[in-house]
Amino acid sequence: MSTKPPSEAVALEYGKNKTPRVTAKGRDEMARRIIAEARRQGVYVAEDPQLLSLLSRLDLGQEIPQDMFTAVAVILSWVYWLKGMKPGDEKKEV
């Protein structure tokens, strides 16, 4: 984990969507607020500068394009593993 304060953040939501979508993005103070809220809600925060660079080009509400599926899938598979989930669990009603 980096000790440098984040200068940019992009939040994705997958859940019941067919593909992940950009739900929040920001720089500087907004990036810190996005990350703080994610952590407060127990959301995994990945630090991947290359993926961030790609995702930051997307608009709010935009689905990730097909050429980003693999990179995002790697992050999602790690999150599933950390949470003891398996594919499809995210679509179940809580």
PDB file of N, CA and C in Angstrom:
ATOM      1  N   MET A   1       0.844  -1.188   0.000  1.00  0.00           N
ATOM      2  CA  MET A   1       0.000   0.000   0.000  1.00  0.00           C
ATOM      3  C   MET A   1       0.884   1.243   0.000  1.00  0.00           C
ATOM      4  N   SER A   2       0.513   2.187  -0.757  1.00  0.00           N
ATOM      5  CA  SER A   2       1.277   3.416  -0.908  1.00  0.00           C
ATOM      6  C   SER A   2       0.992   4.377   0.249  1.00  0.00           C
ATOM      7  N   THR A   3       2.028   5.133   0.661  1.00  0.00           N
ATOM      8  CA  THR A   3       1.822   6.141   1.697  1.00  0.00           C
ATOM      9  C   THR A   3       1.529   7.500   1.078  1.00  0.00           C
ATOM     10  N   LYS A   4       1.724   7.627  -0.224  1.00  0.00           N
ATOM     11  CA  LYS A   4       1.444   8.878  -0.926  1.00  0.00           C
ATOM     12  C   LYS A   4      -0.067   9.058  -1.051  1.00  0.00           C
ATOM     13  N   PRO A   5      -0.592  10.247  -0.701  1.00  0.00           N
ATOM     14  CA  PRO A   5      -2.032  10.473  -0.835  1.00  0.00           C
ATOM     15  C   PRO A   5      -2.471  10.332  -2.296  1.00  0.00           C
ATOM     16  N   PRO A   6      -3.626   9.720  -2.516  1.00  0.00           N
ATOM     17  CA  PRO A   6      -4.090   9.548  -3.896  1.00  0.00           C
ATOM     18  C   PRO A   6      -4.398  10.891  -4.545  1.00  0.00           C
ATOM     19  N   SER A   7      -4.041  11.009  -5.816  1.00  0.00           N
ATOM     20  CA  SER A   7      -4.362  12.243  -6.519  1.00  0.00           C
ATOM     21  C   SER A   7      -5.490  12.019  -7.516  1.00  0.00           C
ATOM     22  N   GLU A   8      -5.846  10.747  -7.749  1.00  0.00           N
ATOM     23  CA  GLU A   8      -6.924  10.436  -8.676  1.00  0.00           C
ATOM     24  C   GLU A   8      -7.551   9.104  -8.275  1.00  0.00           C
ATOM     25  N   ALA A   9      -8.859   8.987  -8.487  1.00  0.00           N
ATOM     26  CA  ALA A   9      -9.563   7.742  -8.168  1.00  0.00           C
ATOM     27  C   ALA A   9     -10.726   7.554  -9.134  1.00  0.00           C
ATOM     28  N   VAL A  10     -10.997   6.293  -9.418  1.00  0.00           N
ATOM     29  CA  VAL A  10     -12.156   5.922 -10.228  1.00  0.00           C
ATOM     30  C   VAL A  10     -12.839   4.770  -9.508  1.00  0.00           C
ATOM     31  N   ALA A  11     -14.141   4.885  -9.323  1.00  0.00           N
ATOM     32  CA  ALA A  11     -14.919   3.828  -8.678  1.00  0.00           C
ATOM     33  C   ALA A  11     -15.741   3.092  -9.728  1.00  0.00           C
ATOM     34  N   LEU A  12     -15.741   1.772  -9.606  1.00  0.00           N
ATOM     35  CA  LEU A  12     -16.541   0.933 -10.493  1.00  0.00           C
ATOM     36  C   LEU A  12     -17.615   0.239  -9.686  1.00  0.00           C
ATOM     37  N   GLU A  13     -18.755   0.013 -10.303  1.00  0.00           N
ATOM     38  CA  GLU A  13     -19.835  -0.761  -9.690  1.00  0.00           C
ATOM     39  C   GLU A  13     -20.165  -1.878 -10.650  1.00  0.00           C
ATOM     40  N   TYR A  14     -20.221  -3.076 -10.114  1.00  0.00           N
ATOM     41  CA  TYR A  14     -20.525  -4.232 -10.949  1.00  0.00           C
ATOM     42  C   TYR A  14     -21.880  -4.781 -10.539  1.00  0.00           C
ATOM     43  N   GLY A  15     -21.929  -5.436  -9.403  1.00  0.00           N
ATOM     44  CA  GLY A  15     -23.186  -5.919  -8.848  1.00  0.00           C
ATOM     45  C   GLY A  15     -24.158  -6.494  -9.855  1.00  0.00           C
ATOM     46  N   LYS A  16     -25.257  -5.814 -10.076  1.00  0.00           N
ATOM     47  CA  LYS A  16     -26.322  -6.319 -10.931  1.00  0.00           C
ATOM     48  C   LYS A  16     -26.181  -5.866 -12.384  1.00  0.00           C
ATOM     49  N   ASN A  17     -25.167  -5.076 -12.693  1.00  0.00           N
ATOM     50  CA  ASN A  17     -24.921  -4.669 -14.081  1.00  0.00           C
ATOM     51  C   ASN A  17     -24.297  -5.812 -14.865  1.00  0.00           C
ATOM     52  N   LYS A  18     -24.526  -5.791 -16.161  1.00  0.00           N
ATOM     53  CA  LYS A  18     -23.929  -6.796 -17.040  1.00  0.00           C
ATOM     54  C   LYS A  18     -22.414  -6.626 -17.089  1.00  0.00           C
ATOM     55  N   THR A  19     -21.966  -5.394 -17.112  1.00  0.00           N
ATOM     56  CA  THR A  19     -20.530  -5.079 -17.074  1.00  0.00           C
ATOM     57  C   THR A  19     -20.298  -3.959 -16.064  1.00  0.00           C
ATOM     58  N   PRO A  20     -19.082  -3.875 -15.524  1.00  0.00           N
ATOM     59  CA  PRO A  20     -18.792  -2.797 -14.570  1.00  0.00           C
ATOM     60  C   PRO A  20     -18.976  -1.417 -15.207  1.00  0.00           C
ATOM     61  N   ARG A  21     -19.427  -0.474 -14.386  1.00  0.00           N
ATOM     62  CA  ARG A  21     -19.631   0.911 -14.819  1.00  0.00           C
ATOM     63  C   ARG A  21     -18.857   1.849 -13.910  1.00  0.00           C
ATOM     64  N   VAL A  22     -18.494   2.989 -14.459  1.00  0.00           N
ATOM     65  CA  VAL A  22     -17.846   4.036 -13.672  1.00  0.00           C
ATOM     66  C   VAL A  22     -18.934   4.761 -12.880  1.00  0.00           C
ATOM     67  N   THR A  23     -18.804   4.739 -11.559  1.00  0.00           N
ATOM     68  CA  THR A  23     -19.822   5.381 -10.722  1.00  0.00           C
ATOM     69  C   THR A  23     -19.315   6.651 -10.041  1.00  0.00           C
ATOM     70  N   ALA A  24     -17.999   6.804  -9.979  1.00  0.00           N
ATOM     71  CA  ALA A  24     -17.429   8.018  -9.387  1.00  0.00           C
ATOM     72  C   ALA A  24     -16.009   8.160  -9.894  1.00  0.00           C
ATOM     73  N   LYS A  25     -15.588   9.399 -10.032  1.00  0.00           N
ATOM     74  CA  LYS A  25     -14.195   9.659 -10.377  1.00  0.00           C
ATOM     75  C   LYS A  25     -13.850  11.063  -9.947  1.00  0.00           C
ATOM     76  N   GLY A  26     -12.597  11.256  -9.621  1.00  0.00           N
ATOM     77  CA  GLY A  26     -12.191  12.582  -9.201  1.00  0.00           C
ATOM     78  C   GLY A  26     -10.701  12.672  -8.964  1.00  0.00           C
ATOM     79  N   ARG A  27     -10.271  13.890  -8.749  1.00  0.00           N
ATOM     80  CA  ARG A  27      -8.855  14.176  -8.500  1.00  0.00           C
ATOM     81  C   ARG A  27      -8.715  14.842  -7.131  1.00  0.00           C
ATOM     82  N   ASP A  28      -7.521  14.752  -6.601  1.00  0.00           N
ATOM     83  CA  ASP A  28      -7.141  15.424  -5.365  1.00  0.00           C
ATOM     84  C   ASP A  28      -8.135  15.157  -4.230  1.00  0.00           C
ATOM     85  N   GLU A  29      -8.806  16.204  -3.715  1.00  0.00           N
ATOM     86  CA  GLU A  29      -9.712  16.021  -2.571  1.00  0.00           C
ATOM     87  C   GLU A  29     -10.850  15.057  -2.899  1.00  0.00           C
ATOM     88  N   MET A  30     -11.420  15.152  -4.099  1.00  0.00           N
ATOM     89  CA  MET A  30     -12.505  14.232  -4.470  1.00  0.00           C
ATOM     90  C   MET A  30     -11.994  12.795  -4.500  1.00  0.00           C
ATOM     91  N   ALA A  31     -10.790  12.570  -4.983  1.00  0.00           N
ATOM     92  CA  ALA A  31     -10.208  11.226  -4.995  1.00  0.00           C
ATOM     93  C   ALA A  31     -10.076  10.697  -3.568  1.00  0.00           C
ATOM     94  N   ARG A  32      -9.609  11.528  -2.665  1.00  0.00           N
ATOM     95  CA  ARG A  32      -9.473  11.110  -1.258  1.00  0.00           C
ATOM     96  C   ARG A  32     -10.834  10.765  -0.657  1.00  0.00           C
ATOM     97  N   ARG A  33     -11.857  11.545  -1.004  1.00  0.00           N
ATOM     98  CA  ARG A  33     -13.200  11.279  -0.479  1.00  0.00           C
ATOM     99  C   ARG A  33     -13.775   9.973  -1.047  1.00  0.00           C
ATOM    100  N   ILE A  34     -13.548   9.728  -2.333  1.00  0.00           N
ATOM    101  CA  ILE A  34     -14.021   8.486  -2.957  1.00  0.00           C
ATOM    102  C   ILE A  34     -13.380   7.285  -2.269  1.00  0.00           C
ATOM    103  N   ILE A  35     -12.083   7.346  -2.068  1.00  0.00           N
ATOM    104  CA  ILE A  35     -11.362   6.231  -1.440  1.00  0.00           C
ATOM    105  C   ILE A  35     -11.771   6.059   0.014  1.00  0.00           C
ATOM    106  N   ALA A  36     -11.921   7.152   0.730  1.00  0.00           N
ATOM    107  CA  ALA A  36     -12.338   7.071   2.137  1.00  0.00           C
ATOM    108  C   ALA A  36     -13.723   6.443   2.256  1.00  0.00           C
ATOM    109  N   GLU A  37     -14.636   6.836   1.393  1.00  0.00           N
ATOM    110  CA  GLU A  37     -15.992   6.274   1.444  1.00  0.00           C
ATOM    111  C   GLU A  37     -15.979   4.794   1.063  1.00  0.00           C
ATOM    112  N   ALA A  38     -15.181   4.443   0.072  1.00  0.00           N
ATOM    113  CA  ALA A  38     -15.072   3.026  -0.306  1.00  0.00           C
ATOM    114  C   ALA A  38     -14.580   2.208   0.879  1.00  0.00           C
ATOM    115  N   ARG A  39     -13.548   2.661   1.520  1.00  0.00           N
ATOM    116  CA  ARG A  39     -13.005   1.928   2.676  1.00  0.00           C
ATOM    117  C   ARG A  39     -14.007   1.872   3.810  1.00  0.00           C
ATOM    118  N   ARG A  40     -14.713   2.977   4.031  1.00  0.00           N
ATOM    119  CA  ARG A  40     -15.725   3.014   5.101  1.00  0.00           C
ATOM    120  C   ARG A  40     -16.795   1.956   4.870  1.00  0.00           C
ATOM    121  N   GLN A  41     -17.119   1.718   3.600  1.00  0.00           N
ATOM    122  CA  GLN A  41     -18.151   0.737   3.269  1.00  0.00           C
ATOM    123  C   GLN A  41     -17.593  -0.665   3.021  1.00  0.00           C
ATOM    124  N   GLY A  42     -16.303  -0.847   3.284  1.00  0.00           N
ATOM    125  CA  GLY A  42     -15.695  -2.165   3.132  1.00  0.00           C
ATOM    126  C   GLY A  42     -15.431  -2.565   1.691  1.00  0.00           C
ATOM    127  N   VAL A  43     -15.319  -1.575   0.816  1.00  0.00           N
ATOM    128  CA  VAL A  43     -15.051  -1.845  -0.597  1.00  0.00           C
ATOM    129  C   VAL A  43     -13.544  -1.936  -0.793  1.00  0.00           C
ATOM    130  N   TYR A  44     -13.108  -2.961  -1.517  1.00  0.00           N
ATOM    131  CA  TYR A  44     -11.684  -3.133  -1.802  1.00  0.00           C
ATOM    132  C   TYR A  44     -11.191  -1.992  -2.677  1.00  0.00           C
ATOM    133  N   VAL A  45     -10.027  -1.443  -2.337  1.00  0.00           N
ATOM    134  CA  VAL A  45      -9.418  -0.360  -3.104  1.00  0.00           C
ATOM    135  C   VAL A  45      -8.129  -0.888  -3.723  1.00  0.00           C
ATOM    136  N   ALA A  46      -8.115  -0.972  -5.048  1.00  0.00           N
ATOM    137  CA  ALA A  46      -6.923  -1.432  -5.766  1.00  0.00           C
ATOM    138  C   ALA A  46      -6.085  -0.228  -6.165  1.00  0.00           C
ATOM    139  N   GLU A  47      -4.780  -0.398  -6.144  1.00  0.00           N
ATOM    140  CA  GLU A  47      -3.867   0.647  -6.580  1.00  0.00           C
ATOM    141  C   GLU A  47      -3.148   0.141  -7.819  1.00  0.00           C
ATOM    142  N   ASP A  48      -3.647   0.536  -8.975  1.00  0.00           N
ATOM    143  CA  ASP A  48      -3.087   0.095 -10.246  1.00  0.00           C
ATOM    144  C   ASP A  48      -3.012   1.307 -11.164  1.00  0.00           C
ATOM    145  N   PRO A  49      -1.870   1.979 -11.199  1.00  0.00           N
ATOM    146  CA  PRO A  49      -1.746   3.219 -11.977  1.00  0.00           C
ATOM    147  C   PRO A  49      -2.095   3.063 -13.456  1.00  0.00           C
ATOM    148  N   GLN A  50      -1.731   1.938 -14.066  1.00  0.00           N
ATOM    149  CA  GLN A  50      -2.032   1.744 -15.488  1.00  0.00           C
ATOM    150  C   GLN A  50      -3.529   1.609 -15.718  1.00  0.00           C
ATOM    151  N   LEU A  51      -4.196   0.825 -14.872  1.00  0.00           N
ATOM    152  CA  LEU A  51      -5.645   0.666 -15.003  1.00  0.00           C
ATOM    153  C   LEU A  51      -6.342   1.992 -14.696  1.00  0.00           C
ATOM    154  N   LEU A  52      -5.883   2.702 -13.687  1.00  0.00           N
ATOM    155  CA  LEU A  52      -6.448   4.015 -13.359  1.00  0.00           C
ATOM    156  C   LEU A  52      -6.350   4.963 -14.553  1.00  0.00           C
ATOM    157  N   SER A  53      -5.217   4.953 -15.225  1.00  0.00           N
ATOM    158  CA  SER A  53      -5.031   5.810 -16.390  1.00  0.00           C
ATOM    159  C   SER A  53      -6.070   5.506 -17.468  1.00  0.00           C
ATOM    160  N   LEU A  54      -6.345   4.234 -17.688  1.00  0.00           N
ATOM    161  CA  LEU A  54      -7.345   3.847 -18.687  1.00  0.00           C
ATOM    162  C   LEU A  54      -8.761   4.200 -18.227  1.00  0.00           C
ATOM    163  N   LEU A  55      -9.084   3.853 -16.978  1.00  0.00           N
ATOM    164  CA  LEU A  55     -10.438   4.077 -16.470  1.00  0.00           C
ATOM    165  C   LEU A  55     -10.773   5.563 -16.339  1.00  0.00           C
ATOM    166  N   SER A  56      -9.774   6.382 -16.062  1.00  0.00           N
ATOM    167  CA  SER A  56     -10.035   7.811 -15.874  1.00  0.00           C
ATOM    168  C   SER A  56     -10.485   8.488 -17.169  1.00  0.00           C
ATOM    169  N   ARG A  57     -10.285   7.836 -18.298  1.00  0.00           N
ATOM    170  CA  ARG A  57     -10.735   8.382 -19.586  1.00  0.00           C
ATOM    171  C   ARG A  57     -12.231   8.156 -19.829  1.00  0.00           C
ATOM    172  N   LEU A  58     -12.832   7.293 -19.036  1.00  0.00           N
ATOM    173  CA  LEU A  58     -14.252   6.979 -19.216  1.00  0.00           C
ATOM    174  C   LEU A  58     -15.121   8.027 -18.536  1.00  0.00           C
ATOM    175  N   ASP A  59     -16.343   8.154 -19.017  1.00  0.00           N
ATOM    176  CA  ASP A  59     -17.311   9.081 -18.433  1.00  0.00           C
ATOM    177  C   ASP A  59     -18.074   8.403 -17.302  1.00  0.00           C
ATOM    178  N   LEU A  60     -18.632   9.208 -16.405  1.00  0.00           N
ATOM    179  CA  LEU A  60     -19.487   8.666 -15.343  1.00  0.00           C
ATOM    180  C   LEU A  60     -20.649   7.908 -15.970  1.00  0.00           C
ATOM    181  N   GLY A  61     -20.944   6.749 -15.430  1.00  0.00           N
ATOM    182  CA  GLY A  61     -22.041   5.935 -15.929  1.00  0.00           C
ATOM    183  C   GLY A  61     -21.675   5.044 -17.097  1.00  0.00           C
ATOM    184  N   GLN A  62     -20.501   5.257 -17.660  1.00  0.00           N
ATOM    185  CA  GLN A  62     -20.084   4.482 -18.830  1.00  0.00           C
ATOM    186  C   GLN A  62     -19.650   3.078 -18.419  1.00  0.00           C
ATOM    187  N   GLU A  63     -20.076   2.083 -19.209  1.00  0.00           N
ATOM    188  CA  GLU A  63     -19.605   0.713 -19.007  1.00  0.00           C
ATOM    189  C   GLU A  63     -18.151   0.632 -19.456  1.00  0.00           C
ATOM    190  N   ILE A  64     -17.403  -0.247 -18.803  1.00  0.00           N
ATOM    191  CA  ILE A  64     -16.026  -0.404 -19.258  1.00  0.00           C
ATOM    192  C   ILE A  64     -16.047  -1.043 -20.645  1.00  0.00           C
ATOM    193  N   PRO A  65     -15.169  -0.590 -21.531  1.00  0.00           N
ATOM    194  CA  PRO A  65     -15.128  -1.163 -22.868  1.00  0.00           C
ATOM    195  C   PRO A  65     -14.489  -2.555 -22.857  1.00  0.00           C
ATOM    196  N   GLN A  66     -14.757  -3.297 -23.885  1.00  0.00           N
ATOM    197  CA  GLN A  66     -14.298  -4.682 -23.978  1.00  0.00           C
ATOM    198  C   GLN A  66     -12.780  -4.806 -23.829  1.00  0.00           C
ATOM    199  N   ASP A  67     -12.033  -3.839 -24.333  1.00  0.00           N
ATOM    200  CA  ASP A  67     -10.577  -3.946 -24.247  1.00  0.00           C
ATOM    201  C   ASP A  67     -10.046  -3.791 -22.814  1.00  0.00           C
ATOM    202  N   MET A  68     -10.915  -3.429 -21.863  1.00  0.00           N
ATOM    203  CA  MET A  68     -10.512  -3.333 -20.456  1.00  0.00           C
ATOM    204  C   MET A  68     -11.023  -4.501 -19.620  1.00  0.00           C
ATOM    205  N   PHE A  69     -11.791  -5.403 -20.218  1.00  0.00           N
ATOM    206  CA  PHE A  69     -12.388  -6.511 -19.474  1.00  0.00           C
ATOM    207  C   PHE A  69     -11.345  -7.321 -18.709  1.00  0.00           C
ATOM    208  N   THR A  70     -10.256  -7.684 -19.366  1.00  0.00           N
ATOM    209  CA  THR A  70      -9.264  -8.542 -18.716  1.00  0.00           C
ATOM    210  C   THR A  70      -8.653  -7.856 -17.502  1.00  0.00           C
ATOM    211  N   ALA A  71      -8.250  -6.610 -17.646  1.00  0.00           N
ATOM    212  CA  ALA A  71      -7.633  -5.890 -16.533  1.00  0.00           C
ATOM    213  C   ALA A  71      -8.593  -5.768 -15.353  1.00  0.00           C
ATOM    214  N   VAL A  72      -9.844  -5.442 -15.631  1.00  0.00           N
ATOM    215  CA  VAL A  72     -10.831  -5.305 -14.559  1.00  0.00           C
ATOM    216  C   VAL A  72     -11.165  -6.678 -13.971  1.00  0.00           C
ATOM    217  N   ALA A  73     -11.211  -7.710 -14.809  1.00  0.00           N
ATOM    218  CA  ALA A  73     -11.501  -9.062 -14.319  1.00  0.00           C
ATOM    219  C   ALA A  73     -10.443  -9.541 -13.332  1.00  0.00           C
ATOM    220  N   VAL A  74      -9.197  -9.177 -13.559  1.00  0.00           N
ATOM    221  CA  VAL A  74      -8.126  -9.556 -12.634  1.00  0.00           C
ATOM    222  C   VAL A  74      -8.388  -8.942 -11.263  1.00  0.00           C
ATOM    223  N   ILE A  75      -8.750  -7.668 -11.240  1.00  0.00           N
ATOM    224  CA  ILE A  75      -9.054  -6.986  -9.972  1.00  0.00           C
ATOM    225  C   ILE A  75     -10.286  -7.628  -9.319  1.00  0.00           C
ATOM    226  N   LEU A  76     -11.340  -7.856 -10.111  1.00  0.00           N
ATOM    227  CA  LEU A  76     -12.565  -8.453  -9.558  1.00  0.00           C
ATOM    228  C   LEU A  76     -12.316  -9.854  -9.011  1.00  0.00           C
ATOM    229  N   SER A  77     -11.490 -10.648  -9.693  1.00  0.00           N
ATOM    230  CA  SER A  77     -11.225 -12.006  -9.200  1.00  0.00           C
ATOM    231  C   SER A  77     -10.494 -11.955  -7.862  1.00  0.00           C
ATOM    232  N   TRP A  78      -9.608 -10.986  -7.707  1.00  0.00           N
ATOM    233  CA  TRP A  78      -8.907 -10.806  -6.441  1.00  0.00           C
ATOM    234  C   TRP A  78      -9.902 -10.415  -5.340  1.00  0.00           C
ATOM    235  N   VAL A  79     -10.824  -9.520  -5.658  1.00  0.00           N
ATOM    236  CA  VAL A  79     -11.830  -9.097  -4.686  1.00  0.00           C
ATOM    237  C   VAL A  79     -12.723 -10.280  -4.293  1.00  0.00           C
ATOM    238  N   TYR A  80     -13.158 -11.057  -5.270  1.00  0.00           N
ATOM    239  CA  TYR A  80     -13.957 -12.259  -4.963  1.00  0.00           C
ATOM    240  C   TYR A  80     -13.208 -13.136  -3.971  1.00  0.00           C
ATOM    241  N   TRP A  81     -11.937 -13.392  -4.271  1.00  0.00           N
ATOM    242  CA  TRP A  81     -11.137 -14.257  -3.414  1.00  0.00           C
ATOM    243  C   TRP A  81     -11.034 -13.680  -2.007  1.00  0.00           C
ATOM    244  N   LEU A  82     -10.750 -12.388  -1.881  1.00  0.00           N
ATOM    245  CA  LEU A  82     -10.632 -11.756  -0.574  1.00  0.00           C
ATOM    246  C   LEU A  82     -11.912 -11.856   0.243  1.00  0.00           C
ATOM    247  N   LYS A  83     -13.047 -11.763  -0.442  1.00  0.00           N
ATOM    248  CA  LYS A  83     -14.337 -11.783   0.244  1.00  0.00           C
ATOM    249  C   LYS A  83     -14.938 -13.182   0.361  1.00  0.00           C
ATOM    250  N   GLY A  84     -14.235 -14.191  -0.148  1.00  0.00           N
ATOM    251  CA  GLY A  84     -14.752 -15.556  -0.088  1.00  0.00           C
ATOM    252  C   GLY A  84     -15.974 -15.749  -0.968  1.00  0.00           C
ATOM    253  N   MET A  85     -16.056 -15.005  -2.052  1.00  0.00           N
ATOM    254  CA  MET A  85     -17.199 -15.073  -2.963  1.00  0.00           C
ATOM    255  C   MET A  85     -16.844 -15.905  -4.189  1.00  0.00           C
ATOM    256  N   LYS A  86     -17.871 -16.254  -4.940  1.00  0.00           N
ATOM    257  CA  LYS A  86     -17.670 -16.880  -6.233  1.00  0.00           C
ATOM    258  C   LYS A  86     -18.517 -16.133  -7.249  1.00  0.00           C
ATOM    259  N   PRO A  87     -18.181 -16.226  -8.546  1.00  0.00           N
ATOM    260  CA  PRO A  87     -18.945 -15.510  -9.564  1.00  0.00           C
ATOM    261  C   PRO A  87     -20.444 -15.792  -9.449  1.00  0.00           C
ATOM    262  N   GLY A  88     -21.212 -14.731  -9.537  1.00  0.00           N
ATOM    263  CA  GLY A  88     -22.670 -14.821  -9.413  1.00  0.00           C
ATOM    264  C   GLY A  88     -23.166 -14.373  -8.055  1.00  0.00           C
ATOM    265  N   ASP A  89     -22.314 -14.460  -7.021  1.00  0.00           N
ATOM    266  CA  ASP A  89     -22.721 -14.039  -5.680  1.00  0.00           C
ATOM    267  C   ASP A  89     -23.110 -12.576  -5.632  1.00  0.00           C
ATOM    268  N   GLU A  90     -22.476 -11.746  -6.466  1.00  0.00           N
ATOM    269  CA  GLU A  90     -22.733 -10.310  -6.445  1.00  0.00           C
ATOM    270  C   GLU A  90     -24.136  -9.980  -6.960  1.00  0.00           C
ATOM    271  N   LYS A  91     -24.756 -10.909  -7.663  1.00  0.00           N
ATOM    272  CA  LYS A  91     -26.079 -10.659  -8.221  1.00  0.00           C
ATOM    273  C   LYS A  91     -27.211 -11.121  -7.294  1.00  0.00           C
ATOM    274  N   LYS A  92     -26.844 -11.797  -6.213  1.00  0.00           N
ATOM    275  CA  LYS A  92     -27.842 -12.293  -5.267  1.00  0.00           C
ATOM    276  C   LYS A  92     -28.361 -11.158  -4.400  1.00  0.00           C
ATOM    277  N   GLU A  93     -29.622 -11.240  -4.050  1.00  0.00           N
ATOM    278  CA  GLU A  93     -30.224 -10.258  -3.138  1.00  0.00           C
ATOM    279  C   GLU A  93     -29.646 -10.472  -1.753  1.00  0.00           C
ATOM    280  N   VAL A  94     -29.390  -9.392  -1.060  1.00  0.00           N
ATOM    281  CA  VAL A  94     -28.830  -9.476   0.299  1.00  0.00           C
ATOM    282  C   VAL A  94     -29.939  -9.443   1.310  1.00  0.00           C
TER     283      VAL A  94
END
